Amino acid sequence: MRKFLPLAVALALAGCSFTPDYQRPAAPVPEAWPARVGAGDTAPGAAIAADWRAFFTDPRLQALIAAALEHNRDLRISVARVDEARALAGIARADRLPTVDLAAQRAASLTPADVSGSGRQLNSQRYDVNLAVAAFELDFWGRVKSLDDAGRANFLASDYARQAFRLSLIADVANAWLSLLELGERRALAVETQKSREETRNLVGRRRDVGLAGDLDYLQADGAYQNARAEVASLARSHAAAENALRLLVGAAPAETAGGSLAQSGLVAEVAVGLPSEVLLQRPDVKAAEQKLIAANANIGAARAAFLPKIVLTAALGTASHGLSGLFEAGSGAWSFIPALRLPLFDSGRTAENVDLASARKLIAVAEYEKTIQQAFREIADLLDARRQLAEQLQAQEAGVAAQGRRLTIVDARYRAGVSSHLELLDAQREHFAAQQSALAVRRQLLSTAASFYKALGGDDGKEARDL
């Protein structure tokens, strides 16, 4: 019984796991969104359409997103990093199985007579052909398995990061396109304003010629016209920059983007909110942070197992002969079997420090996971609040545009009748133009909020994380 006791103890310990049981940390956020941002929102329902094409319904925007998913270089880098992580995980998994090599070699040596034991010159040679297993570790303590688990978790984290970038790319393309539409409408409005102010300047010039207006009125009208020209040039520059930004996101020359209006229906789908904050756990960036935590947890098990003996096997089976012709003949069989047991006795605390290092990295991973959830909660809460406030702001802004438009019509008629001054007309024109520009900006912000919801609530991640 004493002879078999060490083997029994080893087999019993082989069933033990030195990796701490993984438990998902509790989400450090409330169970529901703040009540103030939920007021007036729609009833609970599906947060985001399953397919981005069902959420972004405009055909031109769909074409841009599809092109970006195909040509964007940053997305290609992200996909390549997933392939890199998969390869690294495959390497870690391969360590759980022995590596078998086929080897053939010839060894020859010449020993001078004065150094040989027999006093004669020795000339020897040997031919070997064998199948060999080199330094295969028997994973009694689960060290290699823990490293395999950590590699797989890192691969999944990389794939979830790819999904998160894909969502960001879709939302960024949508926001860039909405900004392009806004700038196009603002430029068209500025061109119309320039024409209107040119007509006003010409009118003031004719009135001055007949003595109904002075030089000051004409200079004011000319200044307003020049300001409108400058605004057109500025918006044209901003529009060109927005096109370049969209071209960079798409990764190729974008399809036709001219035309379109922010006021048209069906640009983006409606977002139904009222879901619990648990929806955050489905975001790919949160899943990526959790997989990094799982990998850190598995690395603790590998570090702990390093305290225990490591059993390594090296074996070879084949044939050997003094001559090449003698290989594979009867009696030429050869084999070797070299089991080795290595037990760390003194390493100046290196193994213990590795355990402390793995434990510290797990604490970092826990904090990063919780921080990711908190940031996601804040992002969605901000969007919910912004959507409600922007909707109210847009309603007020559009009412202001209508009021300023009516005021301008009245003041223009009064000026032509000689009742109002040109300064009053100029003031009405400026305020009406500013109100129109502000309304366009707010409308774009509201639509951008809906596009950002697509990313914030997880959206369409393309497909689930790929396995090894």
Foldseek 3Di string as FASTA:
>chain_A
DVVCVVVVVLLVLLPDFLFDDDDADDQPDDFAFDPVLCPPFFADDDFFDQDVCQFQVDPQLVQLLVLLCVAAPVLVVLVVVLVVLVVVLVVLVCLQDWDKDWDKDKDWDWDPLVPDPVSHIDTFMKIWTWIKTFWRWDNSHCLSVLQSLLSQLLSLLSLLVSLLVSLVLSLVLLLLLLVLQLLLVLLVLLVVLLVVLVVVLVVLVVCVVVPNHDPVLNVLSVVSNVVSVVVNVVSVVVSVVSLVVSCNSSNHNRDDSPDDHLPDPNSGDDGHDPHTLVLQCLASNLSSLVSNLSSLSSQLSNLVCLQAKIKIKIKIWAFMDRDPVPGPDPPRTDMDIDIDIDHDDDDPCPSVVSNVVSVVSSVVSSVVSNVSSVVLSVLVSVLSNLLVVLVVVLVVLVVQLVVLVVVLVVQVVCVVVVNDDSVSNSVSSVSNSVSVSVSSVSSSVNVSSSSVSCSSSRHHSPDRRDGD
